[in-house]
């Protein structure tokens, strides 16, 4: 695991987190990912905001054999700050970068 991010600075506990379909993962570097367990692509993380987003498309960023593997890659490369669940969170995090919050 990459220790670039101080895990003690957040109330999020990566070790006890169980990823679920449609979780919104917010990272220390400002990246926001939507993780899904889709039938077509399998476990996938899509960029909602961050350095690889141009605010006109949602990019597929990470894929793995399980949601845990996808979340592990996100945590290793970006450091997970918190996770939000629910449809309102998905919509909020898709619209927020577009309107400049």
N, C-alpha and C. Protein backbone atom coordinates (compact mmCIF):
# COMPACT_ATOMS: atom_id res chain seq x y z
N UNK A 1 0.84 -1.18 0.00
CA UNK A 1 0.00 0.00 0.00
C UNK A 1 0.88 1.24 0.00
N UNK A 2 0.49 2.22 -0.72
CA UNK A 2 1.21 3.47 -0.80
C UNK A 2 0.86 4.33 0.40
N UNK A 3 1.84 4.79 1.14
CA UNK A 3 1.59 5.57 2.35
C UNK A 3 1.79 7.07 2.13
N UNK A 4 1.48 7.55 0.92
CA UNK A 4 1.59 8.98 0.65
C UNK A 4 0.58 9.78 1.46
N UNK A 5 -0.52 9.14 1.82
CA UNK A 5 -1.60 9.83 2.48
C UNK A 5 -1.67 9.37 3.93
N UNK A 6 -1.84 10.29 4.83
CA UNK A 6 -1.93 9.97 6.24
C UNK A 6 -3.32 9.43 6.54
N UNK A 7 -3.41 8.13 6.75
CA UNK A 7 -4.70 7.50 6.99
C UNK A 7 -5.32 7.95 8.29
N UNK A 8 -4.52 8.41 9.23
CA UNK A 8 -5.07 8.83 10.52
C UNK A 8 -5.74 10.20 10.46
N UNK A 9 -5.56 10.92 9.35
CA UNK A 9 -6.15 12.26 9.23
C UNK A 9 -7.61 12.21 8.81
N UNK A 10 -8.13 11.02 8.57
CA UNK A 10 -9.51 10.88 8.13
C UNK A 10 -10.24 9.90 9.03
N UNK A 11 -11.55 10.07 9.14
CA UNK A 11 -12.33 9.14 9.93
C UNK A 11 -12.66 7.88 9.13
N UNK A 12 -12.35 7.86 7.85
CA UNK A 12 -12.59 6.71 6.99
C UNK A 12 -11.62 5.59 7.34
N UNK A 13 -12.13 4.38 7.50
CA UNK A 13 -11.28 3.22 7.81
C UNK A 13 -11.29 2.27 6.62
N UNK A 14 -10.23 2.30 5.83
CA UNK A 14 -10.11 1.48 4.63
C UNK A 14 -10.16 -0.01 4.94
N UNK A 15 -9.59 -0.41 6.07
CA UNK A 15 -9.50 -1.83 6.40
C UNK A 15 -10.86 -2.47 6.68
N UNK A 16 -11.82 -1.71 7.15
CA UNK A 16 -13.14 -2.26 7.47
C UNK A 16 -14.19 -1.93 6.41
N UNK A 17 -13.81 -1.19 5.40
CA UNK A 17 -14.75 -0.78 4.36
C UNK A 17 -15.09 -1.94 3.43
N UNK A 18 -16.38 -2.16 3.20
CA UNK A 18 -16.86 -3.15 2.25
C UNK A 18 -17.50 -2.42 1.08
N UNK A 19 -16.86 -2.44 -0.09
CA UNK A 19 -17.39 -1.68 -1.22
C UNK A 19 -18.71 -2.25 -1.72
N UNK A 20 -19.57 -1.34 -2.18
CA UNK A 20 -20.85 -1.73 -2.74
C UNK A 20 -21.03 -1.05 -4.09
N UNK A 21 -21.88 -1.65 -4.90
CA UNK A 21 -22.21 -1.10 -6.21
C UNK A 21 -22.74 0.32 -6.04
N UNK A 22 -22.24 1.24 -6.83
CA UNK A 22 -22.63 2.66 -6.86
C UNK A 22 -22.15 3.46 -5.65
N UNK A 23 -21.05 3.08 -5.04
CA UNK A 23 -20.44 3.93 -4.02
C UNK A 23 -19.68 5.05 -4.71
N UNK A 24 -19.68 6.23 -4.09
CA UNK A 24 -18.91 7.36 -4.58
C UNK A 24 -17.70 7.49 -3.65
N UNK A 25 -16.51 7.35 -4.22
CA UNK A 25 -15.26 7.38 -3.46
C UNK A 25 -14.61 8.73 -3.66
N UNK A 26 -14.38 9.46 -2.57
CA UNK A 26 -13.75 10.78 -2.62
C UNK A 26 -12.34 10.65 -2.06
N UNK A 27 -11.35 11.15 -2.81
CA UNK A 27 -9.94 10.94 -2.48
C UNK A 27 -9.29 12.22 -1.97
N UNK A 28 -8.13 12.05 -1.34
CA UNK A 28 -7.38 13.18 -0.80
C UNK A 28 -6.90 14.14 -1.89
N UNK A 29 -6.63 13.65 -3.10
CA UNK A 29 -6.11 14.51 -4.16
C UNK A 29 -7.22 15.21 -4.96
N UNK A 30 -8.47 15.09 -4.50
CA UNK A 30 -9.58 15.76 -5.17
C UNK A 30 -10.29 14.91 -6.20
N UNK A 31 -9.80 13.72 -6.45
CA UNK A 31 -10.45 12.83 -7.40
C UNK A 31 -11.72 12.24 -6.78
N UNK A 32 -12.72 12.04 -7.62
CA UNK A 32 -13.97 11.42 -7.20
C UNK A 32 -14.28 10.30 -8.18
N UNK A 33 -14.55 9.12 -7.66
CA UNK A 33 -14.82 7.95 -8.46
C UNK A 33 -16.17 7.35 -8.13
N UNK A 34 -16.85 6.84 -9.13
CA UNK A 34 -18.06 6.05 -8.95
C UNK A 34 -17.67 4.61 -9.22
N UNK A 35 -17.86 3.72 -8.23
CA UNK A 35 -17.53 2.33 -8.47
C UNK A 35 -18.82 1.56 -8.74
N UNK A 36 -18.73 0.69 -9.74
CA UNK A 36 -19.89 -0.11 -10.13
C UNK A 36 -19.46 -1.56 -10.33
N UNK A 37 -20.43 -2.43 -10.27
CA UNK A 37 -20.19 -3.85 -10.51
C UNK A 37 -21.06 -4.25 -11.70
N UNK A 38 -20.80 -3.64 -12.83
CA UNK A 38 -21.64 -3.80 -14.00
C UNK A 38 -21.49 -5.13 -14.70
N UNK A 39 -22.49 -5.46 -15.50
CA UNK A 39 -22.49 -6.72 -16.24
C UNK A 39 -21.58 -6.65 -17.46
N UNK A 40 -21.47 -5.49 -18.07
CA UNK A 40 -20.68 -5.36 -19.29
C UNK A 40 -19.18 -5.26 -19.01
N UNK A 41 -18.79 -4.35 -18.13
CA UNK A 41 -17.37 -4.12 -17.84
C UNK A 41 -16.89 -4.79 -16.56
N UNK A 42 -17.78 -5.27 -15.72
CA UNK A 42 -17.39 -5.86 -14.45
C UNK A 42 -17.10 -4.77 -13.43
N UNK A 43 -16.39 -5.09 -12.37
CA UNK A 43 -16.05 -4.09 -11.35
C UNK A 43 -15.20 -2.97 -11.95
N UNK A 44 -15.73 -1.76 -11.88
CA UNK A 44 -15.12 -0.62 -12.57
C UNK A 44 -15.22 0.63 -11.72
N UNK A 45 -14.22 1.51 -11.83
CA UNK A 45 -14.26 2.83 -11.22
C UNK A 45 -14.27 3.87 -12.34
N UNK A 46 -15.25 4.74 -12.33
CA UNK A 46 -15.37 5.82 -13.29
C UNK A 46 -14.99 7.13 -12.63
N UNK A 47 -14.25 7.97 -13.33
CA UNK A 47 -13.83 9.27 -12.80
C UNK A 47 -15.00 10.25 -12.92
N UNK A 48 -15.44 10.81 -11.80
CA UNK A 48 -16.45 11.86 -11.82
C UNK A 48 -15.81 13.24 -11.75
N UNK A 49 -14.69 13.33 -11.05
CA UNK A 49 -13.97 14.60 -10.93
C UNK A 49 -12.51 14.28 -10.65
N UNK A 50 -11.65 15.21 -11.02
CA UNK A 50 -10.23 15.01 -10.78
C UNK A 50 -9.42 15.42 -11.98
N UNK A 51 -8.15 15.06 -11.94
CA UNK A 51 -7.23 15.53 -12.98
C UNK A 51 -7.49 14.89 -14.34
N UNK A 52 -8.14 13.74 -14.38
CA UNK A 52 -8.37 13.10 -15.68
C UNK A 52 -9.77 13.38 -16.22
N UNK A 53 -10.52 14.21 -15.56
CA UNK A 53 -11.88 14.52 -16.00
C UNK A 53 -11.89 15.85 -16.74
N UNK A 54 -12.55 15.89 -17.89
CA UNK A 54 -12.68 17.16 -18.60
C UNK A 54 -14.09 17.72 -18.50
N UNK A 55 -14.91 17.15 -17.60
CA UNK A 55 -16.26 17.62 -17.28
C UNK A 55 -17.24 17.46 -18.43
N UNK A 56 -16.86 16.78 -19.51
CA UNK A 56 -17.82 16.52 -20.58
C UNK A 56 -18.10 15.03 -20.71
N UNK A 57 -17.24 14.20 -20.12
CA UNK A 57 -17.40 12.76 -20.21
C UNK A 57 -17.02 12.13 -18.89
N UNK A 58 -17.54 10.96 -18.64
CA UNK A 58 -17.12 10.17 -17.50
C UNK A 58 -16.18 9.10 -18.03
N UNK A 59 -14.97 9.07 -17.50
CA UNK A 59 -13.95 8.15 -17.99
C UNK A 59 -13.88 6.90 -17.12
N UNK A 60 -13.70 5.77 -17.76
CA UNK A 60 -13.41 4.54 -17.07
C UNK A 60 -11.95 4.61 -16.66
N UNK A 61 -11.67 4.42 -15.39
CA UNK A 61 -10.30 4.58 -14.91
C UNK A 61 -9.68 3.27 -14.42
N UNK A 62 -10.35 2.55 -13.56
CA UNK A 62 -9.80 1.31 -13.01
C UNK A 62 -10.78 0.16 -13.21
N UNK A 63 -10.25 -1.01 -13.50
CA UNK A 63 -11.04 -2.23 -13.59
C UNK A 63 -10.31 -3.33 -12.85
N UNK A 64 -11.08 -4.26 -12.30
CA UNK A 64 -10.49 -5.38 -11.58
C UNK A 64 -11.40 -6.57 -11.58
N UNK A 65 -10.99 -7.60 -10.89
CA UNK A 65 -11.79 -8.82 -10.80
C UNK A 65 -12.87 -8.72 -9.74
N UNK A 66 -12.70 -7.78 -8.79
CA UNK A 66 -13.69 -7.59 -7.73
C UNK A 66 -13.73 -6.11 -7.35
N UNK A 67 -14.80 -5.72 -6.67
CA UNK A 67 -14.89 -4.34 -6.19
C UNK A 67 -13.77 -4.03 -5.21
N UNK A 68 -13.38 -5.00 -4.40
CA UNK A 68 -12.29 -4.80 -3.44
C UNK A 68 -10.97 -4.49 -4.14
N UNK A 69 -10.71 -5.15 -5.27
CA UNK A 69 -9.50 -4.89 -6.04
C UNK A 69 -9.51 -3.49 -6.64
N UNK A 70 -10.66 -3.06 -7.14
CA UNK A 70 -10.79 -1.72 -7.71
C UNK A 70 -10.57 -0.66 -6.63
N UNK A 71 -11.18 -0.86 -5.47
CA UNK A 71 -11.03 0.09 -4.36
C UNK A 71 -9.58 0.11 -3.87
N UNK A 72 -8.94 -1.04 -3.86
CA UNK A 72 -7.53 -1.11 -3.46
C UNK A 72 -6.65 -0.29 -4.40
N UNK A 73 -6.91 -0.36 -5.71
CA UNK A 73 -6.14 0.43 -6.67
C UNK A 73 -6.37 1.93 -6.46
N UNK A 74 -7.61 2.30 -6.20
CA UNK A 74 -7.92 3.71 -5.95
C UNK A 74 -7.19 4.19 -4.70
N UNK A 75 -7.26 3.40 -3.64
CA UNK A 75 -6.61 3.78 -2.37
C UNK A 75 -5.10 3.87 -2.53
N UNK A 76 -4.52 2.96 -3.27
CA UNK A 76 -3.07 2.96 -3.48
C UNK A 76 -2.62 4.20 -4.25
N UNK A 77 -3.38 4.59 -5.27
CA UNK A 77 -2.96 5.69 -6.15
C UNK A 77 -3.45 7.07 -5.72
N UNK A 78 -4.53 7.14 -4.98
CA UNK A 78 -5.12 8.44 -4.67
C UNK A 78 -5.35 8.67 -3.18
N UNK A 79 -5.49 7.63 -2.40
CA UNK A 79 -5.77 7.76 -0.97
C UNK A 79 -7.24 8.11 -0.74
N UNK A 80 -8.01 7.18 -0.22
CA UNK A 80 -9.44 7.41 -0.04
C UNK A 80 -9.67 8.25 1.22
N UNK A 81 -10.40 9.34 1.05
CA UNK A 81 -10.74 10.22 2.17
C UNK A 81 -12.08 9.82 2.79
N UNK A 82 -13.08 9.58 1.93
CA UNK A 82 -14.38 9.16 2.43
C UNK A 82 -15.17 8.51 1.30
N UNK A 83 -16.24 7.82 1.70
CA UNK A 83 -17.12 7.14 0.75
C UNK A 83 -18.54 7.58 1.04
N UNK A 84 -19.26 7.92 -0.01
CA UNK A 84 -20.67 8.30 0.12
C UNK A 84 -21.49 7.29 -0.64
N UNK A 85 -22.70 7.05 -0.13
CA UNK A 85 -23.60 6.10 -0.78
C UNK A 85 -24.92 6.77 -1.08
N UNK A 86 -25.60 6.26 -2.11
CA UNK A 86 -26.93 6.73 -2.44
C UNK A 86 -26.98 7.47 -3.76
N UNK A 87 -28.16 7.46 -4.34
CA UNK A 87 -28.37 8.09 -5.64
C UNK A 87 -28.14 9.60 -5.58
N UNK A 88 -28.55 10.26 -4.49
CA UNK A 88 -28.35 11.71 -4.37
C UNK A 88 -26.87 12.06 -4.36
N UNK A 89 -26.06 11.23 -3.76
CA UNK A 89 -24.62 11.47 -3.73
C UNK A 89 -24.01 11.36 -5.13
N UNK A 90 -24.49 10.40 -5.92
CA UNK A 90 -23.98 10.24 -7.28
C UNK A 90 -24.31 11.49 -8.10
N UNK A 91 -25.56 11.91 -8.05
CA UNK A 91 -25.99 13.09 -8.81
C UNK A 91 -25.23 14.33 -8.36
N UNK A 92 -25.11 14.52 -7.05
CA UNK A 92 -24.39 15.68 -6.51
C UNK A 92 -22.95 15.72 -7.00
N UNK A 93 -22.26 14.58 -6.97
CA UNK A 93 -20.87 14.54 -7.37
C UNK A 93 -20.66 14.58 -8.88
N UNK A 94 -21.70 14.30 -9.65
CA UNK A 94 -21.61 14.46 -11.10
C UNK A 94 -21.85 15.91 -11.50
N UNK A 95 -22.71 16.60 -10.78
CA UNK A 95 -23.06 17.98 -11.12
C UNK A 95 -22.08 18.98 -10.53
N UNK A 96 -21.55 18.72 -9.35
CA UNK A 96 -20.68 19.67 -8.65
C UNK A 96 -19.52 20.19 -9.50
N UNK A 97 -18.75 19.33 -10.19
CA UNK A 97 -17.64 19.85 -11.01
C UNK A 97 -18.12 20.70 -12.20
N UNK A 98 -19.30 20.40 -12.69
CA UNK A 98 -19.83 21.12 -13.84
C UNK A 98 -20.18 22.55 -13.50
N UNK A 99 -20.75 22.77 -12.31
CA UNK A 99 -21.15 24.13 -11.94
C UNK A 99 -20.08 24.86 -11.13
N UNK A 100 -18.96 24.21 -10.85
CA UNK A 100 -17.82 24.89 -10.28
C UNK A 100 -17.78 24.97 -8.77
N UNK A 101 -18.35 24.03 -8.05
CA UNK A 101 -18.23 24.03 -6.58
C UNK A 101 -16.94 23.44 -6.15
